[in-house]
């Protein structure tokens, strides 16, 4: 078996295992297009609540959501601001965008000002997982609130790993990049950087 075939087979197994957990309302720790994340069904308040508890994080701090593609995005936000697609597709680093008036998401992933942070990851595992799940998933850094974000799997607290229902066995040796930039586009399409 070729290396590519073996890698694809491993990815299929990891997607199947992750889907079983996500569909059951569980929590996974997984590699994203940026850093290692903690994820769950972003439409389930109970699953999202578990992540807040795992991270020892206040619900007043909203979470980043990952979607597989533009079609899924259009079904979860009331309106996509002008220029967003061009900006994301030309950005040199992964970009999370703040959208207003989200639709069909758990109330505890939405900020008090009725906004939500969403990213379309450029990562094969993430895109395939979300597409097969058919729903958005949470992506918050795999660390305790206030601790440094993990740039590689070995940076994740063993105690935190034990709280997850499943840990994806991909990219564990790879050093991940930093967290995404976060932007908000106003009605005129002007870009405001929240985090660079």
Protein backbone atom coordinates (compact mmCIF):
# COMPACT_ATOMS: atom_id res chain seq x y z
CA UNK A 1 0.00 0.00 0.00
CA UNK A 2 1.36 3.43 -0.94
CA UNK A 3 1.90 6.12 1.69
CA UNK A 4 -0.89 8.28 0.19
CA UNK A 5 -3.33 5.36 0.29
CA UNK A 6 -2.37 4.58 3.88
CA UNK A 7 -2.80 8.24 4.87
CA UNK A 8 -6.22 8.38 3.19
CA UNK A 9 -7.26 5.15 4.92
CA UNK A 10 -6.11 6.56 8.29
CA UNK A 11 -8.09 9.75 7.63
CA UNK A 12 -11.23 7.75 6.80
CA UNK A 13 -10.93 5.84 10.08
CA UNK A 14 -10.38 9.06 12.06
CA UNK A 15 -13.37 10.72 10.37
CA UNK A 16 -15.61 7.73 11.15
CA UNK A 17 -14.49 7.65 14.79
CA UNK A 18 -14.98 11.41 15.15
CA UNK A 19 -18.42 11.29 13.51
CA UNK A 20 -19.59 8.61 15.93
CA UNK A 21 -18.63 10.85 18.87
CA UNK A 22 -20.00 14.09 17.39
CA UNK A 23 -23.33 12.44 16.48
CA UNK A 24 -23.60 11.15 20.06
CA UNK A 25 -23.17 14.65 21.48
CA UNK A 26 -19.55 14.06 22.48
CA UNK A 27 -16.38 16.11 22.40
CA UNK A 28 -13.29 15.52 20.25
CA UNK A 29 -9.77 16.96 20.31
CA UNK A 30 -8.53 17.36 16.76
CA UNK A 31 -5.98 19.10 14.51
CA UNK A 32 -7.32 22.07 12.55
CA UNK A 33 -5.88 24.34 9.88
CA UNK A 34 -4.37 26.39 12.72
CA UNK A 35 -3.83 24.82 16.16
CA UNK A 36 -5.21 21.77 17.97
CA UNK A 37 -8.84 22.32 18.86
CA UNK A 38 -11.64 21.00 21.02
CA UNK A 39 -14.77 20.36 18.97
CA UNK A 40 -18.39 19.32 19.22
CA UNK A 41 -21.70 19.77 17.41
CA UNK A 42 -22.14 23.55 17.26
CA UNK A 43 -25.93 23.13 17.19
CA UNK A 44 -26.07 21.28 20.55
CA UNK A 45 -26.19 23.45 23.68
CA UNK A 46 -25.36 20.46 25.89
CA UNK A 47 -22.25 19.54 23.89
CA UNK A 48 -21.10 23.17 23.80
CA UNK A 49 -21.62 23.47 27.56
CA UNK A 50 -19.26 20.52 28.08
CA UNK A 51 -16.52 22.40 26.22
CA UNK A 52 -16.94 25.48 28.43
CA UNK A 53 -16.65 23.23 31.47
CA UNK A 54 -13.62 21.36 30.08
CA UNK A 55 -11.79 24.63 29.37
CA UNK A 56 -12.93 26.26 32.64
CA UNK A 57 -14.12 29.11 30.47
CA UNK A 58 -16.91 31.62 30.97
CA UNK A 59 -19.86 31.34 28.60
CA UNK A 60 -19.58 35.09 28.03
CA UNK A 61 -16.62 34.32 25.73
CA UNK A 62 -18.03 32.95 22.46
CA UNK A 63 -16.40 30.11 20.53
CA UNK A 64 -15.13 29.81 16.95
CA UNK A 65 -17.22 27.66 14.62
CA UNK A 66 -15.90 25.75 11.58
CA UNK A 67 -18.01 25.17 8.46
CA UNK A 68 -17.07 23.10 5.43
CA UNK A 69 -17.92 25.50 2.59
CA UNK A 70 -19.70 28.66 1.42
CA UNK A 71 -23.01 26.85 1.01
CA UNK A 72 -22.99 25.79 4.66
CA UNK A 73 -22.02 29.34 5.64
CA UNK A 74 -24.98 30.81 3.77
CA UNK A 75 -27.34 28.54 5.69
CA UNK A 76 -25.99 29.64 9.10
CA UNK A 77 -25.69 33.42 8.74
CA UNK A 78 -28.48 35.77 7.73
CA UNK A 79 -26.23 37.80 5.45
CA UNK A 80 -22.69 37.51 4.17
CA UNK A 81 -21.13 41.01 4.06
CA UNK A 82 -19.81 42.26 0.71
CA UNK A 83 -16.17 41.45 0.06
CA UNK A 84 -15.90 38.61 2.59
CA UNK A 85 -15.27 35.89 0.03
CA UNK A 86 -12.62 37.87 -1.83
CA UNK A 87 -10.91 38.79 1.44
CA UNK A 88 -10.82 35.20 2.75
CA UNK A 89 -9.65 33.72 -0.55
CA UNK A 90 -6.82 36.25 -0.85
CA UNK A 91 -5.75 36.13 2.83
CA UNK A 92 -2.31 34.73 3.49
CA UNK A 93 -3.30 33.13 6.80
CA UNK A 94 -6.39 31.33 8.10
CA UNK A 95 -9.13 33.86 8.73
CA UNK A 96 -12.05 33.79 11.14
CA UNK A 97 -14.83 36.27 10.38
CA UNK A 98 -17.35 37.74 12.83
CA UNK A 99 -20.87 37.51 11.36
CA UNK A 100 -24.09 38.99 12.73
CA UNK A 101 -27.47 37.25 13.07
CA UNK A 102 -26.38 33.60 13.07
CA UNK A 103 -28.98 30.94 12.23
CA UNK A 104 -29.43 27.41 13.56
CA UNK A 105 -26.56 27.38 16.07
CA UNK A 106 -26.59 26.61 19.78
CA UNK A 107 -27.36 29.78 21.73
CA UNK A 108 -24.22 29.36 23.86
CA UNK A 109 -21.88 29.72 20.84
CA UNK A 110 -23.39 33.12 20.02
CA UNK A 111 -21.97 36.27 21.63
CA UNK A 112 -24.20 38.66 23.59
CA UNK A 113 -24.22 41.09 20.63
CA UNK A 114 -25.75 38.34 18.42
CA UNK A 115 -22.53 37.64 16.50
CA UNK A 116 -20.58 34.45 15.88
CA UNK A 117 -16.99 33.78 14.80
CA UNK A 118 -16.83 31.43 11.79
CA UNK A 119 -13.95 30.00 9.76
CA UNK A 120 -13.90 27.91 6.60
CA UNK A 121 -10.79 25.81 7.24
CA UNK A 122 -8.35 24.98 4.47
CA UNK A 123 -7.62 21.55 5.88
CA UNK A 124 -8.66 18.26 4.29
CA UNK A 125 -9.51 16.45 7.52
CA UNK A 126 -11.63 19.33 8.86
CA UNK A 127 -13.46 19.92 5.59
CA UNK A 128 -14.27 16.23 5.11
CA UNK A 129 -15.33 15.77 8.74
CA UNK A 130 -17.69 18.76 8.69
CA UNK A 131 -19.10 17.90 5.25
CA UNK A 132 -19.88 14.33 6.34
CA UNK A 133 -21.27 15.51 9.68
CA UNK A 134 -23.47 17.96 7.80
CA UNK A 135 -23.38 20.51 10.61
CA UNK A 136 -20.95 23.14 11.93
CA UNK A 137 -18.49 22.12 14.63
CA UNK A 138 -16.92 24.12 17.42
CA UNK A 139 -13.20 24.85 17.20
CA UNK A 140 -11.73 26.33 20.36
CA UNK A 141 -8.08 25.92 21.31
CA UNK A 142 -7.26 22.71 23.20
CA UNK A 143 -6.13 24.43 26.39
CA UNK A 144 -7.50 25.68 29.67
CA UNK A 145 -8.81 29.23 29.54
CA UNK A 146 -5.94 31.64 30.11
CA UNK A 147 -3.22 29.09 29.23
CA UNK A 148 -1.13 29.28 26.02
CA UNK A 149 -2.67 27.73 22.90
CA UNK A 150 -1.08 24.41 21.87
CA UNK A 151 1.12 24.66 18.77
CA UNK A 152 1.59 20.89 18.74
CA UNK A 153 -0.14 17.87 20.20
CA UNK A 154 2.42 17.47 23.00
CA UNK A 155 1.49 20.94 24.31
CA UNK A 156 -2.02 19.77 25.26
CA UNK A 157 -2.54 19.11 28.98
CA UNK A 158 -2.85 15.35 29.70
CA UNK A 159 -5.67 16.21 32.13
CA UNK A 160 -7.57 17.97 29.33
CA UNK A 161 -6.99 15.05 26.95
CA UNK A 162 -8.62 12.71 29.49
CA UNK A 163 -11.81 14.82 29.44
CA UNK A 164 -12.38 14.34 25.69
CA UNK A 165 -14.48 11.49 24.29
CA UNK A 166 -12.10 11.02 21.37
CA UNK A 167 -8.64 12.27 20.33
CA UNK A 168 -7.94 12.28 16.60
CA UNK A 169 -4.81 10.33 15.71
CA UNK A 170 -3.56 12.52 12.85
CA UNK A 171 -0.84 15.20 12.62
CA UNK A 172 0.34 14.55 16.17
CA UNK A 173 3.99 15.12 15.23
CA UNK A 174 3.31 18.16 13.09
CA UNK A 175 3.88 21.60 14.59
CA UNK A 176 0.75 23.62 13.91
CA UNK A 177 0.74 27.30 13.05
CA UNK A 178 -0.62 30.06 15.25
CA UNK A 179 -4.29 30.85 15.80
CA UNK A 180 -6.23 32.45 12.95
CA UNK A 181 -6.61 36.15 12.38
CA UNK A 182 -10.08 37.44 13.31
CA UNK A 183 -11.79 40.15 11.28
CA UNK A 184 -15.15 41.84 11.02
CA UNK A 185 -16.43 43.50 7.85
CA UNK A 186 -18.85 46.39 8.13
CA UNK A 187 -21.77 47.19 5.81
CA UNK A 188 -19.43 48.99 3.40
CA UNK A 189 -17.06 46.03 3.23
CA UNK A 190 -14.40 47.77 5.35
CA UNK A 191 -12.21 45.31 7.25
CA UNK A 192 -11.70 45.71 11.00
CA UNK A 193 -9.04 43.46 12.58
CA UNK A 194 -10.01 41.98 15.93
CA UNK A 195 -6.87 39.76 16.11
CA UNK A 196 -3.98 39.82 13.62
